[in-house]
Amino acid sequence: QAATVIGLIGLVVAIAFTVFVARSLVRPVAELTRLAKEAQSGNLDVTVPVRGRDEIGQLSEAFNAMISSLKAREREQAALEERLRHAQTMEAVGTLARGIAHDFNNILATVKGAVHIMEKRFSDDPFLMRYTGKIHTSLGRAKELITGLITFSRAQEMHPGPLDLNEL
């Protein structure tokens, strides 16, 4: 009978040890594994509960730190992708501006040539000469606009103002 009692006590201790191991090791590892698979599938909104300071607790903290780092990298990547899209858009706008500027410059050259012919042919008519002067003024403004477009298309900074050519 004493052997039976000792056997039953041993069985109870074995069952208690099994329950203890299951609660303190197997379940947390299974939960960590499940959450790791969720994170692997793209769900970074997972957090492992930290229970204690043992190895499982440290592993849980490390997992949570890894998820936090992945979220930060994901945000950084999204910001970089947005900057890249903006840069590509600006490059396309610059290319368009450059094309428009060159085409517009060709049109202005034709107008300037026609005005020059008018000035030579009708130089004795002050009425026409007054208007050719206004056309030249407008052509000068248009040329400044074209220069601005070309400068923009090359993504150069504009610094309008006096410039010392000797220093340059």
C-alpha atoms as a PDB file:
ATOM      1  CA  GLN A   1       0.000   0.000   0.000  1.00  0.00           C
ATOM      2  CA  ALA A   2       2.850   2.397   0.656  1.00  0.00           C
ATOM      3  CA  ALA A   3       4.157   1.711  -2.834  1.00  0.00           C
ATOM      4  CA  THR A   4       0.759   2.597  -4.265  1.00  0.00           C
ATOM      5  CA  VAL A   5       0.655   5.872  -2.337  1.00  0.00           C
ATOM      6  CA  ILE A   6       4.192   6.719  -3.451  1.00  0.00           C
ATOM      7  CA  GLY A   7       3.224   5.839  -7.027  1.00  0.00           C
ATOM      8  CA  LEU A   8       0.117   8.046  -6.831  1.00  0.00           C
ATOM      9  CA  ILE A   9       2.163  10.906  -5.362  1.00  0.00           C
ATOM     10  CA  GLY A  10       4.697  10.463  -8.157  1.00  0.00           C
ATOM     11  CA  LEU A  11       1.875  10.485 -10.727  1.00  0.00           C
ATOM     12  CA  VAL A  12       0.367  13.658  -9.237  1.00  0.00           C
ATOM     13  CA  VAL A  13       3.814  15.311  -9.229  1.00  0.00           C
ATOM     14  CA  ALA A  14       4.360  14.264 -12.862  1.00  0.00           C
ATOM     15  CA  ILE A  15       0.954  15.636 -13.866  1.00  0.00           C
ATOM     16  CA  ALA A  16       1.601  18.880 -11.954  1.00  0.00           C
ATOM     17  CA  PHE A  17       5.023  19.183 -13.616  1.00  0.00           C
ATOM     18  CA  THR A  18       3.462  18.592 -17.038  1.00  0.00           C
ATOM     19  CA  VAL A  19       0.808  21.257 -16.402  1.00  0.00           C
ATOM     20  CA  PHE A  20       3.510  23.655 -15.178  1.00  0.00           C
ATOM     21  CA  VAL A  21       5.652  23.066 -18.270  1.00  0.00           C
ATOM     22  CA  ALA A  22       2.616  23.412 -20.536  1.00  0.00           C
ATOM     23  CA  ARG A  23       1.609  26.707 -18.931  1.00  0.00           C
ATOM     24  CA  SER A  24       5.044  28.254 -18.654  1.00  0.00           C
ATOM     25  CA  LEU A  25       6.711  27.023 -21.828  1.00  0.00           C
ATOM     26  CA  VAL A  26       4.534  25.310 -24.423  1.00  0.00           C
ATOM     27  CA  ARG A  27       1.625  27.780 -24.498  1.00  0.00           C
ATOM     28  CA  PRO A  28       3.789  30.936 -24.689  1.00  0.00           C
ATOM     29  CA  VAL A  29       5.945  29.390 -27.417  1.00  0.00           C
ATOM     30  CA  ALA A  30       2.822  28.322 -29.334  1.00  0.00           C
ATOM     31  CA  GLU A  31       1.396  31.865 -28.974  1.00  0.00           C
ATOM     32  CA  LEU A  32       4.696  33.371 -30.109  1.00  0.00           C
ATOM     33  CA  THR A  33       4.775  31.030 -33.101  1.00  0.00           C
ATOM     34  CA  ARG A  34       1.198  31.940 -34.051  1.00  0.00           C
ATOM     35  CA  LEU A  35       1.934  35.673 -33.816  1.00  0.00           C
ATOM     36  CA  ALA A  36       5.174  35.288 -35.788  1.00  0.00           C
ATOM     37  CA  LYS A  37       3.201  33.641 -38.606  1.00  0.00           C
ATOM     38  CA  GLU A  38       0.724  36.529 -38.535  1.00  0.00           C
ATOM     39  CA  ALA A  39       3.594  39.006 -38.765  1.00  0.00           C
ATOM     40  CA  GLN A  40       5.102  36.992 -41.618  1.00  0.00           C
ATOM     41  CA  SER A  41       1.827  37.290 -43.527  1.00  0.00           C
ATOM     42  CA  GLY A  42       2.021  41.084 -43.239  1.00  0.00           C
ATOM     43  CA  ASN A  43       0.045  41.828 -40.080  1.00  0.00           C
ATOM     44  CA  LEU A  44       2.400  44.035 -38.091  1.00  0.00           C
ATOM     45  CA  ASP A  45      -0.283  44.946 -35.570  1.00  0.00           C
ATOM     46  CA  VAL A  46       0.619  42.014 -33.357  1.00  0.00           C
ATOM     47  CA  THR A  47       2.040  42.254 -29.853  1.00  0.00           C
ATOM     48  CA  VAL A  48       3.179  39.403 -27.695  1.00  0.00           C
ATOM     49  CA  PRO A  49       2.166  39.744 -24.059  1.00  0.00           C
ATOM     50  CA  VAL A  50       5.253  39.731 -21.843  1.00  0.00           C
ATOM     51  CA  ARG A  51       4.789  37.504 -18.802  1.00  0.00           C
ATOM     52  CA  GLY A  52       7.782  37.601 -16.553  1.00  0.00           C
ATOM     53  CA  ARG A  53      11.496  38.144 -16.994  1.00  0.00           C
ATOM     54  CA  ASP A  54      12.481  34.604 -17.873  1.00  0.00           C
ATOM     55  CA  GLU A  55      13.696  33.490 -21.277  1.00  0.00           C
ATOM     56  CA  ILE A  56      10.161  33.425 -22.692  1.00  0.00           C
ATOM     57  CA  GLY A  57       9.601  36.998 -21.454  1.00  0.00           C
ATOM     58  CA  GLN A  58      12.861  38.123 -23.016  1.00  0.00           C
ATOM     59  CA  LEU A  59      11.946  36.399 -26.271  1.00  0.00           C
ATOM     60  CA  SER A  60       8.550  38.139 -26.213  1.00  0.00           C
ATOM     61  CA  GLU A  61      10.200  41.530 -25.656  1.00  0.00           C
ATOM     62  CA  ALA A  62      12.624  40.863 -28.519  1.00  0.00           C
ATOM     63  CA  PHE A  63       9.720  39.874 -30.791  1.00  0.00           C
ATOM     64  CA  ASN A  64       7.838  43.083 -29.916  1.00  0.00           C
ATOM     65  CA  ALA A  65      10.975  45.154 -30.555  1.00  0.00           C
ATOM     66  CA  MET A  66      11.393  43.453 -33.940  1.00  0.00           C
ATOM     67  CA  ILE A  67       7.770  44.230 -34.881  1.00  0.00           C
ATOM     68  CA  SER A  68       8.272  47.861 -33.829  1.00  0.00           C
ATOM     69  CA  SER A  69      11.416  48.074 -35.966  1.00  0.00           C
ATOM     70  CA  LEU A  70       9.622  46.562 -38.957  1.00  0.00           C
ATOM     71  CA  LYS A  71       6.792  49.093 -38.603  1.00  0.00           C
ATOM     72  CA  ALA A  72       9.315  51.948 -38.526  1.00  0.00           C
ATOM     73  CA  ARG A  73      11.052  50.602 -41.642  1.00  0.00           C
ATOM     74  CA  GLU A  74       7.711  50.218 -43.382  1.00  0.00           C
ATOM     75  CA  ARG A  75       6.853  53.870 -42.612  1.00  0.00           C
ATOM     76  CA  GLU A  76      10.299  54.965 -43.802  1.00  0.00           C
ATOM     77  CA  GLN A  77       9.920  52.974 -47.016  1.00  0.00           C
ATOM     78  CA  ALA A  78       6.501  54.531 -47.661  1.00  0.00           C
ATOM     79  CA  ALA A  79       7.983  58.008 -47.156  1.00  0.00           C
ATOM     80  CA  LEU A  80      10.859  57.215 -49.539  1.00  0.00           C
ATOM     81  CA  GLU A  81       8.440  55.886 -52.151  1.00  0.00           C
ATOM     82  CA  GLU A  82       6.398  59.092 -51.855  1.00  0.00           C
ATOM     83  CA  ARG A  83       9.561  61.187 -52.310  1.00  0.00           C
ATOM     84  CA  LEU A  84      10.489  59.097 -55.364  1.00  0.00           C
ATOM     85  CA  ARG A  85       7.018  59.590 -56.888  1.00  0.00           C
ATOM     86  CA  HIS A  86       7.311  63.339 -56.264  1.00  0.00           C
ATOM     87  CA  ALA A  87      10.775  63.448 -57.861  1.00  0.00           C
ATOM     88  CA  GLN A  88       9.508  61.525 -60.895  1.00  0.00           C
ATOM     89  CA  THR A  89       6.556  63.902 -61.206  1.00  0.00           C
ATOM     90  CA  MET A  90       8.860  66.915 -61.010  1.00  0.00           C
ATOM     91  CA  GLU A  91      11.132  65.366 -63.632  1.00  0.00           C
ATOM     92  CA  ALA A  92       8.156  64.851 -65.957  1.00  0.00           C
ATOM     93  CA  VAL A  93       6.968  68.428 -65.375  1.00  0.00           C
ATOM     94  CA  GLY A  94      10.496  69.668 -66.070  1.00  0.00           C
ATOM     95  CA  THR A  95      10.681  67.706 -69.319  1.00  0.00           C
ATOM     96  CA  LEU A  96       7.299  69.094 -70.372  1.00  0.00           C
ATOM     97  CA  ALA A  97       8.347  72.652 -69.466  1.00  0.00           C
ATOM     98  CA  ARG A  98      11.576  72.280 -71.432  1.00  0.00           C
ATOM     99  CA  GLY A  99       9.678  71.044 -74.497  1.00  0.00           C
ATOM    100  CA  ILE A 100       7.133  73.860 -74.292  1.00  0.00           C
ATOM    101  CA  ALA A 101       9.883  76.441 -73.814  1.00  0.00           C
ATOM    102  CA  HIS A 102      11.797  75.298 -76.884  1.00  0.00           C
ATOM    103  CA  ASP A 103       8.663  75.158 -79.052  1.00  0.00           C
ATOM    104  CA  PHE A 104       7.562  78.582 -77.822  1.00  0.00           C
ATOM    105  CA  ASN A 105      11.050  79.947 -78.485  1.00  0.00           C
ATOM    106  CA  ASN A 106      10.772  78.807 -82.121  1.00  0.00           C
ATOM    107  CA  ILE A 107       7.436  80.618 -82.463  1.00  0.00           C
ATOM    108  CA  LEU A 108       8.918  83.781 -80.967  1.00  0.00           C
ATOM    109  CA  ALA A 109      11.857  83.624 -83.382  1.00  0.00           C
ATOM    110  CA  THR A 110       9.392  83.624 -86.275  1.00  0.00           C
ATOM    111  CA  VAL A 111       7.514  86.611 -84.837  1.00  0.00           C
ATOM    112  CA  LYS A 112      10.776  88.468 -84.210  1.00  0.00           C
ATOM    113  CA  GLY A 113      11.867  87.843 -87.797  1.00  0.00           C
ATOM    114  CA  ALA A 114       8.546  89.107 -89.146  1.00  0.00           C
ATOM    115  CA  VAL A 115       8.776  92.264 -86.982  1.00  0.00           C
ATOM    116  CA  HIS A 116      12.315  92.851 -88.189  1.00  0.00           C
ATOM    117  CA  ILE A 117      11.112  92.650 -91.812  1.00  0.00           C
ATOM    118  CA  MET A 118       8.263  95.075 -91.017  1.00  0.00           C
ATOM    119  CA  GLU A 119      10.709  97.535 -89.463  1.00  0.00           C
ATOM    120  CA  LYS A 120      12.951  97.490 -92.537  1.00  0.00           C
ATOM    121  CA  ARG A 121      10.101  97.718 -94.982  1.00  0.00           C
ATOM    122  CA  PHE A 122       7.960 100.325 -93.177  1.00  0.00           C
ATOM    123  CA  SER A 123      10.622 102.313 -91.288  1.00  0.00           C
ATOM    124  CA  ASP A 124       9.092 105.587 -92.455  1.00  0.00           C
ATOM    125  CA  ASP A 125       5.674 104.833 -90.871  1.00  0.00           C
ATOM    126  CA  PRO A 126       5.764 106.023 -87.204  1.00  0.00           C
ATOM    127  CA  PHE A 127       2.383 104.427 -86.488  1.00  0.00           C
ATOM    128  CA  LEU A 128       3.693 100.939 -87.353  1.00  0.00           C
ATOM    129  CA  MET A 129       7.051 101.571 -85.671  1.00  0.00           C
ATOM    130  CA  ARG A 130       5.236 102.332 -82.396  1.00  0.00           C
ATOM    131  CA  TYR A 131       3.607  98.898 -82.499  1.00  0.00           C
ATOM    132  CA  THR A 132       6.769  97.093 -83.502  1.00  0.00           C
ATOM    133  CA  GLY A 133       8.384  98.579 -80.372  1.00  0.00           C
ATOM    134  CA  LYS A 134       5.562  97.145 -78.249  1.00  0.00           C
ATOM    135  CA  ILE A 135       6.037  93.774 -79.949  1.00  0.00           C
ATOM    136  CA  HIS A 136       9.755  93.858 -79.113  1.00  0.00           C
ATOM    137  CA  THR A 137       8.909  94.608 -75.467  1.00  0.00           C
ATOM    138  CA  SER A 138       6.496  91.656 -75.383  1.00  0.00           C
ATOM    139  CA  LEU A 139       9.072  89.426 -77.070  1.00  0.00           C
ATOM    140  CA  GLY A 140      11.585  90.369 -74.363  1.00  0.00           C
ATOM    141  CA  ARG A 141       9.102  89.412 -71.638  1.00  0.00           C
ATOM    142  CA  ALA A 142       8.325  86.152 -73.414  1.00  0.00           C
ATOM    143  CA  LYS A 143      12.056  85.419 -73.673  1.00  0.00           C
ATOM    144  CA  GLU A 144      12.388  85.922 -69.878  1.00  0.00           C
ATOM    145  CA  LEU A 145       9.495  83.515 -69.366  1.00  0.00           C
ATOM    146  CA  ILE A 146      11.174  80.940 -71.593  1.00  0.00           C
ATOM    147  CA  THR A 147      14.449  81.353 -69.715  1.00  0.00           C
ATOM    148  CA  GLY A 148      12.577  80.748 -66.453  1.00  0.00           C
ATOM    149  CA  LEU A 149      10.935  77.611 -67.861  1.00  0.00           C
ATOM    150  CA  ILE A 150      14.244  76.248 -69.105  1.00  0.00           C
ATOM    151  CA  THR A 151      15.886  76.994 -65.768  1.00  0.00           C
ATOM    152  CA  PHE A 152      13.012  75.251 -63.956  1.00  0.00           C
ATOM    153  CA  SER A 153      13.222  72.251 -66.263  1.00  0.00           C
ATOM    154  CA  ARG A 154      16.888  71.815 -65.379  1.00  0.00           C
ATOM    155  CA  ALA A 155      15.997  71.944 -61.666  1.00  0.00           C
ATOM    156  CA  GLN A 156      18.427  74.800 -61.100  1.00  0.00           C
ATOM    157  CA  GLU A 157      17.879  77.288 -58.340  1.00  0.00           C
ATOM    158  CA  MET A 158      17.161  80.779 -59.548  1.00  0.00           C
ATOM    159  CA  HIS A 159      18.904  83.634 -57.780  1.00  0.00           C
ATOM    160  CA  PRO A 160      17.714  86.787 -59.522  1.00  0.00           C
ATOM    161  CA  GLY A 161      19.740  89.872 -58.777  1.00  0.00           C
ATOM    162  CA  PRO A 162      22.961  91.636 -59.646  1.00  0.00           C
ATOM    163  CA  LEU A 163      25.873  89.413 -60.597  1.00  0.00           C
ATOM    164  CA  ASP A 164      29.568  90.307 -60.790  1.00  0.00           C
ATOM    165  CA  LEU A 165      30.827  88.520 -63.883  1.00  0.00           C
ATOM    166  CA  ASN A 166      34.445  89.043 -62.848  1.00  0.00           C
ATOM    167  CA  GLU A 167      33.771  87.207 -59.596  1.00  0.00           C
ATOM    168  CA  LEU A 168      31.908  84.444 -61.402  1.00  0.00           C
END
